[in-house]
Amino acid sequence: MSYTTIIFITFVLLFIVYLLRLNFLGKKYNQVDWGSRFLNKIDGVFRYYCHNFHNLNFIGLETDSKCFKLPKDGGALVISNHLSGIDPFLLIAACDRPIRFMIAKEEYERWYLNWLFKGAGCIPVDRTGRADIAFRQAKRALDKGEIIALFPHGKIHLDHEEPYRVKPGIKKLAEFSKAPIFVARLSGVNGQGSVFKPLFMRSNSQVQQFSNLSHEFFSEEDSLLRLGELLLGHRNKL
């Protein structure tokens, strides 16, 4: 047997062991039913990764809260600041219900991730001027009792970056859907500002939950600015 063949066989065996390990972790740490065994295993892997590699910690509205408080049933919006490419993983790991993310259409259409985004029910947002299609799709999902998550600054936006105010899309969706709004702030991620670096950098990440909002909040003066300041850590309450 040649040296090259031995190397190849070793690589294949290690790859099989790696896949078996992922399968084991996916089954062990899965906590949410996403509607398919494959997605449930991915959920478990994400949770293991966030809690063990990024040391995910949660600060809730109550001292004994161990996860992001969502309604047991019924639709709701989840909003958060956006620090890096691992933010969706952190929110998924913090919640006890499946979450459908609204993401930029150009990200949704990446060929190597499109299969995952479709499976997870992500909603592509055309930022060139046809966002209403995504809003209607989100409204239908909310009416069916699903959880829709979005980053209202529209892209990765670090705490010190201006403008602090969130984009008006969250106001439009909230008033259109009348869904309750659950507010989170992410912090402690290493490699902030990058999509890929945080994937490989250990951190002490944190998800903090604030008081819920209703669509009526957006009728108040400077609501978009105040919400943006809360998400970016420039105020402790609205």
C-alpha atoms as a PDB file:
ATOM      1  CA  MET A   1       0.000   0.000   0.000  1.00  0.00           C
ATOM      2  CA  SER A   2       1.436   3.329  -1.054  1.00  0.00           C
ATOM      3  CA  TYR A   3       2.072   6.240   1.304  1.00  0.00           C
ATOM      4  CA  THR A   4      -0.484   8.341  -0.621  1.00  0.00           C
ATOM      5  CA  THR A   5      -3.160   5.670  -0.162  1.00  0.00           C
ATOM      6  CA  ILE A   6      -2.485   5.503   3.574  1.00  0.00           C
ATOM      7  CA  ILE A   7      -2.816   9.287   3.857  1.00  0.00           C
ATOM      8  CA  PHE A   8      -6.098   9.204   1.898  1.00  0.00           C
ATOM      9  CA  ILE A   9      -7.597   6.398   4.006  1.00  0.00           C
ATOM     10  CA  THR A  10      -6.558   8.177   7.205  1.00  0.00           C
ATOM     11  CA  PHE A  11      -8.184  11.385   6.003  1.00  0.00           C
ATOM     12  CA  VAL A  12     -11.427   9.564   5.126  1.00  0.00           C
ATOM     13  CA  LEU A  13     -11.534   7.835   8.520  1.00  0.00           C
ATOM     14  CA  LEU A  14     -10.937  11.119  10.372  1.00  0.00           C
ATOM     15  CA  PHE A  15     -13.662  12.780   8.319  1.00  0.00           C
ATOM     16  CA  ILE A  16     -16.107   9.970   9.180  1.00  0.00           C
ATOM     17  CA  VAL A  17     -15.234  10.281  12.883  1.00  0.00           C
ATOM     18  CA  TYR A  18     -15.786  14.047  12.626  1.00  0.00           C
ATOM     19  CA  LEU A  19     -19.225  13.554  11.058  1.00  0.00           C
ATOM     20  CA  LEU A  20     -20.178  11.012  13.711  1.00  0.00           C
ATOM     21  CA  ARG A  21     -19.092  13.479  16.380  1.00  0.00           C
ATOM     22  CA  LEU A  22     -21.267  16.212  14.869  1.00  0.00           C
ATOM     23  CA  ASN A  23     -24.188  13.786  14.669  1.00  0.00           C
ATOM     24  CA  PHE A  24     -23.748  12.918  18.362  1.00  0.00           C
ATOM     25  CA  LEU A  25     -23.544  16.568  19.429  1.00  0.00           C
ATOM     26  CA  GLY A  26     -26.548  17.481  17.296  1.00  0.00           C
ATOM     27  CA  LYS A  27     -28.707  14.838  18.938  1.00  0.00           C
ATOM     28  CA  LYS A  28     -27.496  15.552  22.468  1.00  0.00           C
ATOM     29  CA  TYR A  29     -27.834  19.332  22.501  1.00  0.00           C
ATOM     30  CA  ASN A  30     -30.883  19.858  20.301  1.00  0.00           C
ATOM     31  CA  GLN A  31     -33.655  21.620  22.243  1.00  0.00           C
ATOM     32  CA  VAL A  32     -36.023  22.883  19.547  1.00  0.00           C
ATOM     33  CA  ASP A  33     -38.056  21.094  16.895  1.00  0.00           C
ATOM     34  CA  TRP A  34     -37.358  22.739  13.512  1.00  0.00           C
ATOM     35  CA  GLY A  35     -39.533  20.289  11.615  1.00  0.00           C
ATOM     36  CA  SER A  36     -36.797  17.967  10.350  1.00  0.00           C
ATOM     37  CA  ARG A  37     -34.225  15.667  11.961  1.00  0.00           C
ATOM     38  CA  PHE A  38     -31.404  17.268   9.975  1.00  0.00           C
ATOM     39  CA  LEU A  39     -32.214  20.832  11.086  1.00  0.00           C
ATOM     40  CA  ASN A  40     -32.711  19.634  14.657  1.00  0.00           C
ATOM     41  CA  LYS A  41     -29.170  18.248  14.627  1.00  0.00           C
ATOM     42  CA  ILE A  42     -27.847  21.534  13.249  1.00  0.00           C
ATOM     43  CA  ASP A  43     -29.677  23.290  16.090  1.00  0.00           C
ATOM     44  CA  GLY A  44     -27.883  21.042  18.571  1.00  0.00           C
ATOM     45  CA  VAL A  45     -24.484  21.709  16.992  1.00  0.00           C
ATOM     46  CA  PHE A  46     -25.111  25.480  17.087  1.00  0.00           C
ATOM     47  CA  ARG A  47     -26.056  25.305  20.762  1.00  0.00           C
ATOM     48  CA  TYR A  48     -22.998  23.253  21.666  1.00  0.00           C
ATOM     49  CA  TYR A  49     -20.760  25.599  19.672  1.00  0.00           C
ATOM     50  CA  CYS A  50     -22.183  28.771  21.264  1.00  0.00           C
ATOM     51  CA  HIS A  51     -22.163  27.493  24.839  1.00  0.00           C
ATOM     52  CA  ASN A  52     -18.776  25.758  24.736  1.00  0.00           C
ATOM     53  CA  PHE A  53     -16.717  27.787  22.268  1.00  0.00           C
ATOM     54  CA  HIS A  54     -18.257  31.214  22.847  1.00  0.00           C
ATOM     55  CA  ASN A  55     -19.190  30.637  26.511  1.00  0.00           C
ATOM     56  CA  LEU A  56     -22.664  32.018  25.908  1.00  0.00           C
ATOM     57  CA  ASN A  57     -24.160  33.709  28.957  1.00  0.00           C
ATOM     58  CA  PHE A  58     -27.709  35.000  29.262  1.00  0.00           C
ATOM     59  CA  ILE A  59     -29.019  37.972  31.235  1.00  0.00           C
ATOM     60  CA  GLY A  60     -32.794  37.923  31.448  1.00  0.00           C
ATOM     61  CA  LEU A  61     -35.542  40.067  32.861  1.00  0.00           C
ATOM     62  CA  GLU A  62     -35.590  37.785  35.908  1.00  0.00           C
ATOM     63  CA  THR A  63     -32.564  36.675  37.907  1.00  0.00           C
ATOM     64  CA  ASP A  64     -33.288  32.977  37.336  1.00  0.00           C
ATOM     65  CA  SER A  65     -33.852  33.269  33.570  1.00  0.00           C
ATOM     66  CA  LYS A  66     -31.902  30.659  31.654  1.00  0.00           C
ATOM     67  CA  CYS A  67     -33.036  31.510  28.134  1.00  0.00           C
ATOM     68  CA  PHE A  68     -34.547  34.306  26.091  1.00  0.00           C
ATOM     69  CA  LYS A  69     -38.187  34.570  27.153  1.00  0.00           C
ATOM     70  CA  LEU A  70     -40.526  34.131  24.196  1.00  0.00           C
ATOM     71  CA  PRO A  71     -44.255  33.381  24.238  1.00  0.00           C
ATOM     72  CA  LYS A  72     -44.978  29.651  24.326  1.00  0.00           C
ATOM     73  CA  ASP A  73     -47.117  30.089  21.231  1.00  0.00           C
ATOM     74  CA  GLY A  74     -48.130  32.868  18.877  1.00  0.00           C
ATOM     75  CA  GLY A  75     -46.086  35.101  16.635  1.00  0.00           C
ATOM     76  CA  ALA A  76     -43.468  37.599  17.774  1.00  0.00           C
ATOM     77  CA  LEU A  77     -40.619  39.734  16.474  1.00  0.00           C
ATOM     78  CA  VAL A  78     -37.103  39.423  17.887  1.00  0.00           C
ATOM     79  CA  ILE A  79     -34.685  42.300  17.289  1.00  0.00           C
ATOM     80  CA  SER A  80     -31.035  42.687  18.205  1.00  0.00           C
ATOM     81  CA  ASN A  81     -27.879  44.616  17.499  1.00  0.00           C
ATOM     82  CA  HIS A  82     -25.568  43.047  14.900  1.00  0.00           C
ATOM     83  CA  LEU A  83     -21.893  42.561  15.747  1.00  0.00           C
ATOM     84  CA  SER A  84     -20.678  39.690  13.589  1.00  0.00           C
ATOM     85  CA  GLY A  85     -21.453  36.631  11.507  1.00  0.00           C
ATOM     86  CA  ILE A  86     -22.179  34.449  14.538  1.00  0.00           C
ATOM     87  CA  ASP A  87     -25.024  36.632  15.856  1.00  0.00           C
ATOM     88  CA  PRO A  88     -27.814  34.410  14.437  1.00  0.00           C
ATOM     89  CA  PHE A  89     -26.204  31.373  16.103  1.00  0.00           C
ATOM     90  CA  LEU A  90     -26.162  33.154  19.468  1.00  0.00           C
ATOM     91  CA  LEU A  91     -29.824  34.128  19.220  1.00  0.00           C
ATOM     92  CA  ILE A  92     -30.821  30.611  18.166  1.00  0.00           C
ATOM     93  CA  ALA A  93     -28.879  29.163  21.110  1.00  0.00           C
ATOM     94  CA  ALA A  94     -30.523  31.617  23.528  1.00  0.00           C
ATOM     95  CA  CYS A  95     -34.104  30.858  22.463  1.00  0.00           C
ATOM     96  CA  ASP A  96     -36.389  27.891  23.039  1.00  0.00           C
ATOM     97  CA  ARG A  97     -38.378  28.253  19.826  1.00  0.00           C
ATOM     98  CA  PRO A  98     -37.367  28.134  16.138  1.00  0.00           C
ATOM     99  CA  ILE A  99     -36.494  31.536  14.695  1.00  0.00           C
ATOM    100  CA  ARG A 100     -36.901  32.667  11.081  1.00  0.00           C
ATOM    101  CA  PHE A 101     -34.424  35.392  10.194  1.00  0.00           C
ATOM    102  CA  MET A 102     -34.964  38.178   7.715  1.00  0.00           C
ATOM    103  CA  ILE A 103     -31.701  38.502   5.784  1.00  0.00           C
ATOM    104  CA  ALA A 104     -30.410  40.436   2.794  1.00  0.00           C
ATOM    105  CA  LYS A 105     -31.319  38.798  -0.505  1.00  0.00           C
ATOM    106  CA  GLU A 106     -27.711  38.796  -1.677  1.00  0.00           C
ATOM    107  CA  GLU A 107     -26.730  36.795   1.421  1.00  0.00           C
ATOM    108  CA  TYR A 108     -29.697  34.455   1.054  1.00  0.00           C
ATOM    109  CA  GLU A 109     -28.674  33.607  -2.514  1.00  0.00           C
ATOM    110  CA  ARG A 110     -25.104  32.532  -1.708  1.00  0.00           C
ATOM    111  CA  TRP A 111     -24.974  29.078  -3.297  1.00  0.00           C
ATOM    112  CA  TYR A 112     -23.078  27.419  -0.433  1.00  0.00           C
ATOM    113  CA  LEU A 113     -25.563  28.618   2.240  1.00  0.00           C
ATOM    114  CA  ASN A 114     -28.833  28.898   0.347  1.00  0.00           C
ATOM    115  CA  TRP A 115     -29.834  25.320   1.236  1.00  0.00           C
ATOM    116  CA  LEU A 116     -29.467  26.115   4.950  1.00  0.00           C
ATOM    117  CA  PHE A 117     -31.280  29.462   4.747  1.00  0.00           C
ATOM    118  CA  LYS A 118     -34.165  27.827   2.884  1.00  0.00           C
ATOM    119  CA  GLY A 119     -34.377  24.956   5.356  1.00  0.00           C
ATOM    120  CA  ALA A 120     -34.423  27.342   8.306  1.00  0.00           C
ATOM    121  CA  GLY A 121     -37.203  29.407   6.726  1.00  0.00           C
ATOM    122  CA  CYS A 122     -35.165  32.595   6.335  1.00  0.00           C
ATOM    123  CA  ILE A 123     -36.890  35.452   4.533  1.00  0.00           C
ATOM    124  CA  PRO A 124     -34.833  37.250   1.847  1.00  0.00           C
ATOM    125  CA  VAL A 125     -35.115  41.041   1.844  1.00  0.00           C
ATOM    126  CA  ASP A 126     -34.534  42.880  -1.427  1.00  0.00           C
ATOM    127  CA  ARG A 127     -32.836  46.073  -0.295  1.00  0.00           C
ATOM    128  CA  THR A 128     -33.014  47.658  -3.749  1.00  0.00           C
ATOM    129  CA  GLY A 129     -36.603  48.761  -3.196  1.00  0.00           C
ATOM    130  CA  ARG A 130     -38.890  45.689  -3.033  1.00  0.00           C
ATOM    131  CA  ALA A 131     -38.755  45.047   0.707  1.00  0.00           C
ATOM    132  CA  ASP A 132     -42.578  44.982   0.872  1.00  0.00           C
ATOM    133  CA  ILE A 133     -42.513  41.420  -0.466  1.00  0.00           C
ATOM    134  CA  ALA A 134     -40.459  40.327   2.542  1.00  0.00           C
ATOM    135  CA  PHE A 135     -42.696  42.279   4.934  1.00  0.00           C
ATOM    136  CA  ARG A 136     -45.792  40.499   3.609  1.00  0.00           C
ATOM    137  CA  GLN A 137     -44.042  37.144   3.918  1.00  0.00           C
ATOM    138  CA  ALA A 138     -43.020  37.976   7.491  1.00  0.00           C
ATOM    139  CA  LYS A 139     -46.584  39.070   8.297  1.00  0.00           C
ATOM    140  CA  ARG A 140     -47.973  35.742   7.085  1.00  0.00           C
ATOM    141  CA  ALA A 141     -45.452  33.849   9.213  1.00  0.00           C
ATOM    142  CA  LEU A 142     -46.289  35.949  12.280  1.00  0.00           C
ATOM    143  CA  ASP A 143     -49.996  35.343  11.741  1.00  0.00           C
ATOM    144  CA  LYS A 144     -49.255  31.604  11.738  1.00  0.00           C
ATOM    145  CA  GLY A 145     -47.589  31.955  15.141  1.00  0.00           C
ATOM    146  CA  GLU A 146     -43.948  31.907  14.067  1.00  0.00           C
ATOM    147  CA  ILE A 147     -40.991  33.897  15.452  1.00  0.00           C
ATOM    148  CA  ILE A 148     -39.341  36.369  13.069  1.00  0.00           C
ATOM    149  CA  ALA A 149     -35.933  37.851  13.894  1.00  0.00           C
ATOM    150  CA  LEU A 150     -34.113  40.766  12.306  1.00  0.00           C
ATOM    151  CA  PHE A 151     -31.255  43.159  12.911  1.00  0.00           C
ATOM    152  CA  PRO A 152     -32.883  46.595  12.586  1.00  0.00           C
ATOM    153  CA  HIS A 153     -29.635  48.446  11.843  1.00  0.00           C
ATOM    154  CA  GLY A 154     -29.702  46.515   8.571  1.00  0.00           C
ATOM    155  CA  LYS A 155     -26.123  45.199   8.658  1.00  0.00           C
ATOM    156  CA  ILE A 156     -23.175  44.679  11.007  1.00  0.00           C
ATOM    157  CA  HIS A 157     -23.111  47.882  13.048  1.00  0.00           C
ATOM    158  CA  LEU A 158     -20.702  48.243  15.972  1.00  0.00           C
ATOM    159  CA  ASP A 159     -21.580  50.081  19.157  1.00  0.00           C
ATOM    160  CA  HIS A 160     -19.452  53.161  18.416  1.00  0.00           C
ATOM    161  CA  GLU A 161     -20.601  53.587  14.815  1.00  0.00           C
ATOM    162  CA  GLU A 162     -23.057  56.297  13.846  1.00  0.00           C
ATOM    163  CA  PRO A 163     -25.860  56.740  13.060  1.00  0.00           C
ATOM    164  CA  TYR A 164     -27.184  55.107  16.207  1.00  0.00           C
ATOM    165  CA  ARG A 165     -30.800  55.096  15.035  1.00  0.00           C
ATOM    166  CA  VAL A 166     -32.245  51.921  13.527  1.00  0.00           C
ATOM    167  CA  LYS A 167     -33.625  51.845  10.012  1.00  0.00           C
ATOM    168  CA  PRO A 168     -37.366  52.545   9.567  1.00  0.00           C
ATOM    169  CA  GLY A 169     -38.082  49.016   8.343  1.00  0.00           C
ATOM    170  CA  ILE A 170     -38.665  47.755  11.888  1.00  0.00           C
ATOM    171  CA  LYS A 171     -41.252  50.485  12.462  1.00  0.00           C
ATOM    172  CA  LYS A 172     -43.049  49.588   9.247  1.00  0.00           C
ATOM    173  CA  LEU A 173     -43.068  45.865  10.028  1.00  0.00           C
ATOM    174  CA  ALA A 174     -44.161  46.396  13.636  1.00  0.00           C
ATOM    175  CA  GLU A 175     -47.056  48.653  12.665  1.00  0.00           C
ATOM    176  CA  PHE A 176     -48.006  46.356   9.779  1.00  0.00           C
ATOM    177  CA  SER A 177     -47.982  43.143  11.831  1.00  0.00           C
ATOM    178  CA  LYS A 178     -48.953  44.453  15.306  1.00  0.00           C
ATOM    179  CA  ALA A 179     -46.758  41.656  16.684  1.00  0.00           C
ATOM    180  CA  PRO A 180     -45.079  41.982  20.103  1.00  0.00           C
ATOM    181  CA  ILE A 181     -41.387  42.866  19.905  1.00  0.00           C
ATOM    182  CA  PHE A 182     -38.755  41.099  22.009  1.00  0.00           C
ATOM    183  CA  VAL A 183     -35.514  43.037  22.383  1.00  0.00           C
ATOM    184  CA  ALA A 184     -32.014  41.554  22.747  1.00  0.00           C
ATOM    185  CA  ARG A 185     -28.507  42.979  22.948  1.00  0.00           C
ATOM    186  CA  LEU A 186     -25.423  40.919  22.039  1.00  0.00           C
ATOM    187  CA  SER A 187     -21.985  41.612  23.498  1.00  0.00           C
ATOM    188  CA  GLY A 188     -18.661  39.953  24.349  1.00  0.00           C
ATOM    189  CA  VAL A 189     -18.000  38.572  20.848  1.00  0.00           C
ATOM    190  CA  ASN A 190     -14.375  38.605  19.705  1.00  0.00           C
ATOM    191  CA  GLY A 191     -13.681  39.673  16.126  1.00  0.00           C
ATOM    192  CA  GLN A 192     -16.569  42.136  16.014  1.00  0.00           C
ATOM    193  CA  GLY A 193     -17.165  43.730  12.633  1.00  0.00           C
ATOM    194  CA  SER A 194     -16.275  40.571  10.712  1.00  0.00           C
ATOM    195  CA  VAL A 195     -18.481  37.827   9.324  1.00  0.00           C
ATOM    196  CA  PHE A 196     -15.919  35.011   9.482  1.00  0.00           C
ATOM    197  CA  LYS A 197     -13.274  35.836  12.134  1.00  0.00           C
ATOM    198  CA  PRO A 198     -15.557  35.245  15.145  1.00  0.00           C
ATOM    199  CA  LEU A 199     -16.246  31.722  13.900  1.00  0.00           C
ATOM    200  CA  PHE A 200     -12.695  30.782  14.919  1.00  0.00           C
ATOM    201  CA  MET A 201     -12.124  33.104  17.903  1.00  0.00           C
ATOM    202  CA  ARG A 202     -13.188  32.007  21.373  1.00  0.00           C
ATOM    203  CA  SER A 203     -15.172  34.596  23.279  1.00  0.00           C
ATOM    204  CA  ASN A 204     -17.316  35.260  26.331  1.00  0.00           C
ATOM    205  CA  SER A 205     -20.516  36.154  24.531  1.00  0.00           C
ATOM    206  CA  GLN A 206     -23.640  37.445  26.169  1.00  0.00           C
ATOM    207  CA  VAL A 207     -27.291  37.844  25.246  1.00  0.00           C
ATOM    208  CA  GLN A 208     -29.226  40.370  27.309  1.00  0.00           C
ATOM    209  CA  GLN A 209     -33.004  40.684  27.156  1.00  0.00           C
ATOM    210  CA  PHE A 210     -34.821  43.993  27.626  1.00  0.00           C
ATOM    211  CA  SER A 211     -38.494  44.717  28.216  1.00  0.00           C
ATOM    212  CA  ASN A 212     -40.820  43.931  25.337  1.00  0.00           C
ATOM    213  CA  LEU A 213     -42.217  46.589  23.029  1.00  0.00           C
ATOM    214  CA  SER A 214     -45.477  46.996  21.166  1.00  0.00           C
ATOM    215  CA  HIS A 215     -45.983  48.605  17.784  1.00  0.00           C
ATOM    216  CA  GLU A 216     -47.349  51.663  19.598  1.00  0.00           C
ATOM    217  CA  PHE A 217     -43.821  52.510  20.768  1.00  0.00           C
ATOM    218  CA  PHE A 218     -42.991  53.750  17.267  1.00  0.00           C
ATOM    219  CA  SER A 219     -45.548  56.525  17.504  1.00  0.00           C
ATOM    220  CA  GLU A 220     -43.341  58.166  20.134  1.00  0.00           C
ATOM    221  CA  GLU A 221     -40.846  60.914  19.328  1.00  0.00           C
ATOM    222  CA  ASP A 222     -37.332  59.764  18.328  1.00  0.00           C
ATOM    223  CA  SER A 223     -38.348  56.112  18.764  1.00  0.00           C
ATOM    224  CA  LEU A 224     -35.901  54.889  16.105  1.00  0.00           C
ATOM    225  CA  LEU A 225     -33.000  56.751  17.710  1.00  0.00           C
ATOM    226  CA  ARG A 226     -33.845  55.630  21.243  1.00  0.00           C
ATOM    227  CA  LEU A 227     -34.195  52.018  20.156  1.00  0.00           C
ATOM    228  CA  GLY A 228     -30.882  52.193  18.307  1.00  0.00           C
ATOM    229  CA  GLU A 229     -29.164  53.637  21.360  1.00  0.00           C
ATOM    230  CA  LEU A 230     -30.551  50.818  23.518  1.00  0.00           C
ATOM    231  CA  LEU A 231     -29.365  48.114  21.120  1.00  0.00           C
ATOM    232  CA  LEU A 232     -25.901  49.691  20.869  1.00  0.00           C
ATOM    233  CA  GLY A 233     -25.482  50.029  24.622  1.00  0.00           C
ATOM    234  CA  HIS A 234     -25.799  53.821  24.860  1.00  0.00           C
ATOM    235  CA  ARG A 235     -28.791  53.661  27.200  1.00  0.00           C
ATOM    236  CA  ASN A 236     -30.106  51.111  29.699  1.00  0.00           C
ATOM    237  CA  LYS A 237     -33.803  51.547  28.998  1.00  0.00           C
ATOM    238  CA  LEU A 238     -36.160  53.313  26.627  1.00  0.00           C
END
